[in-house]
C-alpha atoms as a PDB file:
ATOM      1  CA  MET A   1      29.376 -31.980 -16.958  1.00  0.00           C
ATOM      2  CA  ARG A   2      28.401 -33.711 -13.762  1.00  0.00           C
ATOM      3  CA  VAL A   3      28.202 -30.376 -11.781  1.00  0.00           C
ATOM      4  CA  LYS A   4      26.219 -29.010 -14.239  1.00  0.00           C
ATOM      5  CA  GLN A   5      23.694 -31.771 -14.371  1.00  0.00           C
ATOM      6  CA  ARG A   6      23.414 -31.776 -10.327  1.00  0.00           C
ATOM      7  CA  GLN A   7      22.988 -28.263 -10.096  1.00  0.00           C
ATOM      8  CA  MET A   8      20.264 -28.221 -12.364  1.00  0.00           C
ATOM      9  CA  LEU A   9      18.590 -31.339 -10.439  1.00  0.00           C
ATOM     10  CA  ARG A  10      19.039 -29.262  -7.562  1.00  0.00           C
ATOM     11  CA  ARG A  11      17.238 -26.134  -8.821  1.00  0.00           C
ATOM     12  CA  THR A  12      14.277 -27.748 -10.660  1.00  0.00           C
ATOM     13  CA  THR A  13      13.968 -29.750  -7.150  1.00  0.00           C
ATOM     14  CA  VAL A  14      13.745 -26.407  -4.854  1.00  0.00           C
ATOM     15  CA  GLY A  15      11.588 -24.648  -7.790  1.00  0.00           C
ATOM     16  CA  TRP A  16       9.197 -27.776  -7.520  1.00  0.00           C
ATOM     17  CA  LEU A  17       8.885 -27.636  -3.778  1.00  0.00           C
ATOM     18  CA  VAL A  18       8.848 -23.734  -3.418  1.00  0.00           C
ATOM     19  CA  ALA A  19       5.899 -23.799  -6.165  1.00  0.00           C
ATOM     20  CA  LEU A  20       4.482 -27.038  -4.286  1.00  0.00           C
ATOM     21  CA  ILE A  21       4.465 -24.484  -0.872  1.00  0.00           C
ATOM     22  CA  MET A  22       2.662 -21.837  -2.650  1.00  0.00           C
ATOM     23  CA  PHE A  23       0.498 -23.865  -4.426  1.00  0.00           C
ATOM     24  CA  PHE A  24      -1.015 -25.801  -1.214  1.00  0.00           C
ATOM     25  CA  PRO A  25      -3.015 -22.844   0.395  1.00  0.00           C
ATOM     26  CA  VAL A  26      -4.902 -22.471  -3.007  1.00  0.00           C
ATOM     27  CA  PHE A  27      -5.111 -26.264  -3.170  1.00  0.00           C
ATOM     28  CA  TRP A  28      -6.632 -26.368   0.281  1.00  0.00           C
ATOM     29  CA  MET A  29      -8.793 -23.785  -0.203  1.00  0.00           C
ATOM     30  CA  ALA A  30      -9.998 -25.197  -3.270  1.00  0.00           C
ATOM     31  CA  LEU A  31     -10.840 -28.278  -1.108  1.00  0.00           C
ATOM     32  CA  ALA A  32     -12.994 -26.958   1.925  1.00  0.00           C
ATOM     33  CA  ALA A  33     -15.358 -25.680  -0.980  1.00  0.00           C
ATOM     34  CA  PHE A  34     -16.413 -29.054  -1.235  1.00  0.00           C
ATOM     35  CA  LYS A  35     -16.493 -29.984   2.234  1.00  0.00           C
ATOM     36  CA  THR A  36     -19.364 -29.415   4.619  1.00  0.00           C
ATOM     37  CA  GLU A  37     -19.242 -26.751   6.963  1.00  0.00           C
ATOM     38  CA  LEU A  38     -18.230 -29.369   9.525  1.00  0.00           C
ATOM     39  CA  GLU A  39     -15.741 -31.205   7.940  1.00  0.00           C
ATOM     40  CA  ALA A  40     -14.252 -27.773   6.923  1.00  0.00           C
ATOM     41  CA  ILE A  41     -12.783 -27.074  10.768  1.00  0.00           C
ATOM     42  CA  ALA A  42     -12.728 -31.067  11.674  1.00  0.00           C
ATOM     43  CA  TRP A  43      -9.539 -31.603  13.115  1.00  0.00           C
ATOM     44  CA  PRO A  44      -7.140 -33.465  12.633  1.00  0.00           C
ATOM     45  CA  PRO A  45      -8.483 -32.067   8.917  1.00  0.00           C
ATOM     46  CA  LEU A  46     -10.074 -34.509   6.743  1.00  0.00           C
ATOM     47  CA  PHE A  47      -8.273 -35.517   3.429  1.00  0.00           C
ATOM     48  CA  PHE A  48     -11.025 -38.131   1.944  1.00  0.00           C
ATOM     49  CA  PHE A  49     -14.921 -36.894   2.409  1.00  0.00           C
ATOM     50  CA  ARG A  50     -17.369 -37.199   0.082  1.00  0.00           C
ATOM     51  CA  PRO A  51     -18.036 -34.051  -1.687  1.00  0.00           C
ATOM     52  CA  THR A  52     -20.872 -31.819  -1.894  1.00  0.00           C
ATOM     53  CA  LEU A  53     -22.011 -29.024  -3.676  1.00  0.00           C
ATOM     54  CA  GLU A  54     -24.551 -27.606  -0.522  1.00  0.00           C
ATOM     55  CA  ASN A  55     -21.858 -24.646  -0.061  1.00  0.00           C
ATOM     56  CA  PHE A  56     -22.819 -23.127  -3.092  1.00  0.00           C
ATOM     57  CA  ALA A  57     -25.878 -23.386  -3.093  1.00  0.00           C
ATOM     58  CA  GLU A  58     -25.749 -21.480   0.278  1.00  0.00           C
ATOM     59  CA  MET A  59     -23.567 -18.602  -0.994  1.00  0.00           C
ATOM     60  CA  GLN A  60     -26.277 -17.768  -4.041  1.00  0.00           C
ATOM     61  CA  GLU A  61     -28.778 -17.686  -0.951  1.00  0.00           C
ATOM     62  CA  ARG A  62     -26.761 -15.408   2.044  1.00  0.00           C
ATOM     63  CA  VAL A  63     -24.761 -13.100  -1.171  1.00  0.00           C
ATOM     64  CA  ASP A  64     -26.052 -11.663  -3.887  1.00  0.00           C
ATOM     65  CA  TYR A  65     -22.960 -12.976  -5.459  1.00  0.00           C
ATOM     66  CA  LEU A  66     -24.345 -11.903  -8.577  1.00  0.00           C
ATOM     67  CA  ASP A  67     -24.226  -8.187  -7.257  1.00  0.00           C
ATOM     68  CA  HIS A  68     -20.846  -8.214  -6.425  1.00  0.00           C
ATOM     69  CA  ALA A  69     -19.553  -9.774  -9.742  1.00  0.00           C
ATOM     70  CA  ARG A  70     -20.934  -6.683 -11.445  1.00  0.00           C
ATOM     71  CA  ASN A  71     -19.688  -4.285  -9.404  1.00  0.00           C
ATOM     72  CA  SER A  72     -16.348  -5.831 -10.519  1.00  0.00           C
ATOM     73  CA  ILE A  73     -16.738  -5.746 -13.676  1.00  0.00           C
ATOM     74  CA  ILE A  74     -17.650  -2.445 -13.642  1.00  0.00           C
ATOM     75  CA  VAL A  75     -14.703  -1.537 -11.514  1.00  0.00           C
ATOM     76  CA  ALA A  76     -12.452  -3.451 -13.853  1.00  0.00           C
ATOM     77  CA  PHE A  77     -13.876  -1.386 -17.060  1.00  0.00           C
ATOM     78  CA  GLY A  78     -13.465   1.576 -15.699  1.00  0.00           C
ATOM     79  CA  SER A  79      -9.798   1.991 -14.432  1.00  0.00           C
ATOM     80  CA  THR A  80      -9.286  -0.081 -18.039  1.00  0.00           C
ATOM     81  CA  ALA A  81     -10.798   2.838 -19.569  1.00  0.00           C
ATOM     82  CA  LEU A  82      -9.760   5.966 -17.483  1.00  0.00           C
ATOM     83  CA  ALA A  83      -6.102   4.306 -17.588  1.00  0.00           C
ATOM     84  CA  LEU A  84      -6.742   4.124 -22.415  1.00  0.00           C
ATOM     85  CA  LEU A  85      -8.197   7.604 -21.426  1.00  0.00           C
ATOM     86  CA  LEU A  86      -4.931   8.776 -20.425  1.00  0.00           C
ATOM     87  CA  ALA A  87      -1.979   6.833 -21.982  1.00  0.00           C
ATOM     88  CA  ILE A  88      -3.643   6.818 -25.513  1.00  0.00           C
ATOM     89  CA  PRO A  89      -3.120  11.172 -26.206  1.00  0.00           C
ATOM     90  CA  ALA A  90       0.377  10.294 -23.635  1.00  0.00           C
ATOM     91  CA  ALA A  91       1.572   7.775 -26.327  1.00  0.00           C
ATOM     92  CA  TYR A  92       0.767  10.039 -29.725  1.00  0.00           C
ATOM     93  CA  SER A  93       2.102  13.291 -28.316  1.00  0.00           C
ATOM     94  CA  MET A  94       5.813  11.095 -27.660  1.00  0.00           C
ATOM     95  CA  ALA A  95       5.489   9.772 -31.213  1.00  0.00           C
ATOM     96  CA  PHE A  96       4.778  12.541 -32.770  1.00  0.00           C
ATOM     97  CA  PHE A  97       5.441  15.489 -30.996  1.00  0.00           C
ATOM     98  CA  PRO A  98       8.654  14.470 -29.515  1.00  0.00           C
ATOM     99  CA  THR A  99      10.176  16.738 -26.504  1.00  0.00           C
ATOM    100  CA  LYS A 100      13.629  17.268 -25.279  1.00  0.00           C
ATOM    101  CA  ARG A 101      12.518  15.230 -22.118  1.00  0.00           C
ATOM    102  CA  THR A 102      10.510  12.024 -24.560  1.00  0.00           C
ATOM    103  CA  ARG A 103      13.740  10.033 -24.469  1.00  0.00           C
ATOM    104  CA  GLY A 104      14.507  10.102 -20.902  1.00  0.00           C
ATOM    105  CA  THR A 105      10.933   8.938 -20.389  1.00  0.00           C
ATOM    106  CA  LEU A 106      10.479   6.136 -22.714  1.00  0.00           C
ATOM    107  CA  LEU A 107      14.330   5.269 -21.793  1.00  0.00           C
ATOM    108  CA  TRP A 108      12.526   5.566 -17.649  1.00  0.00           C
ATOM    109  CA  ILE A 109       9.618   3.166 -19.035  1.00  0.00           C
ATOM    110  CA  LEU A 110      11.818   0.916 -20.446  1.00  0.00           C
ATOM    111  CA  ARG A 111      14.319   0.331 -17.338  1.00  0.00           C
ATOM    112  CA  THR A 112      11.704   0.223 -14.978  1.00  0.00           C
ATOM    113  CA  ASN A 113       9.748  -2.793 -16.960  1.00  0.00           C
ATOM    114  CA  SER A 114      12.726  -4.430 -17.686  1.00  0.00           C
ATOM    115  CA  CYS A 115      13.986  -4.501 -13.748  1.00  0.00           C
ATOM    116  CA  ARG A 116      10.622  -5.491 -13.100  1.00  0.00           C
ATOM    117  CA  ARG A 117      10.885  -8.432 -15.543  1.00  0.00           C
ATOM    118  CA  SER A 118      14.435  -9.450 -14.433  1.00  0.00           C
ATOM    119  CA  ALA A 119      13.956  -9.103 -10.338  1.00  0.00           C
ATOM    120  CA  CYS A 120      11.665 -12.442 -10.979  1.00  0.00           C
ATOM    121  CA  TRP A 121      13.848 -14.355 -12.248  1.00  0.00           C
ATOM    122  CA  PHE A 122      16.327 -16.673  -9.193  1.00  0.00           C
ATOM    123  CA  ARG A 123      19.176 -17.163 -11.191  1.00  0.00           C
ATOM    124  CA  SER A 124      21.502 -17.816  -8.180  1.00  0.00           C
ATOM    125  CA  ILE A 125      20.018 -20.470  -5.841  1.00  0.00           C
END
């Protein structure tokens, strides 16, 4: 029982370290958003600073952010609509008009989905 607890503690510690290492760039980028331009590129890096929102106002002046956001929304809805346009008839035909290849296709879909999910699990560290 003692060995299992030690292994669990080691796995948990390694998991937290990996998560912190992966999250740090996102945290640093979010921190830089609230710094002035000089503070963001200062060396050595500033950990304590007075936060400001002037970067966001300047971004709105320089770039038409809403235009880019609208383009992203159009692409997202368009690709979703296209995927549904292809997937719904395919699913209907597989469900109500199966052929000799339907079972193999469905098993292939199931197998690729489960392989992708199981590849994300790190069971042995």
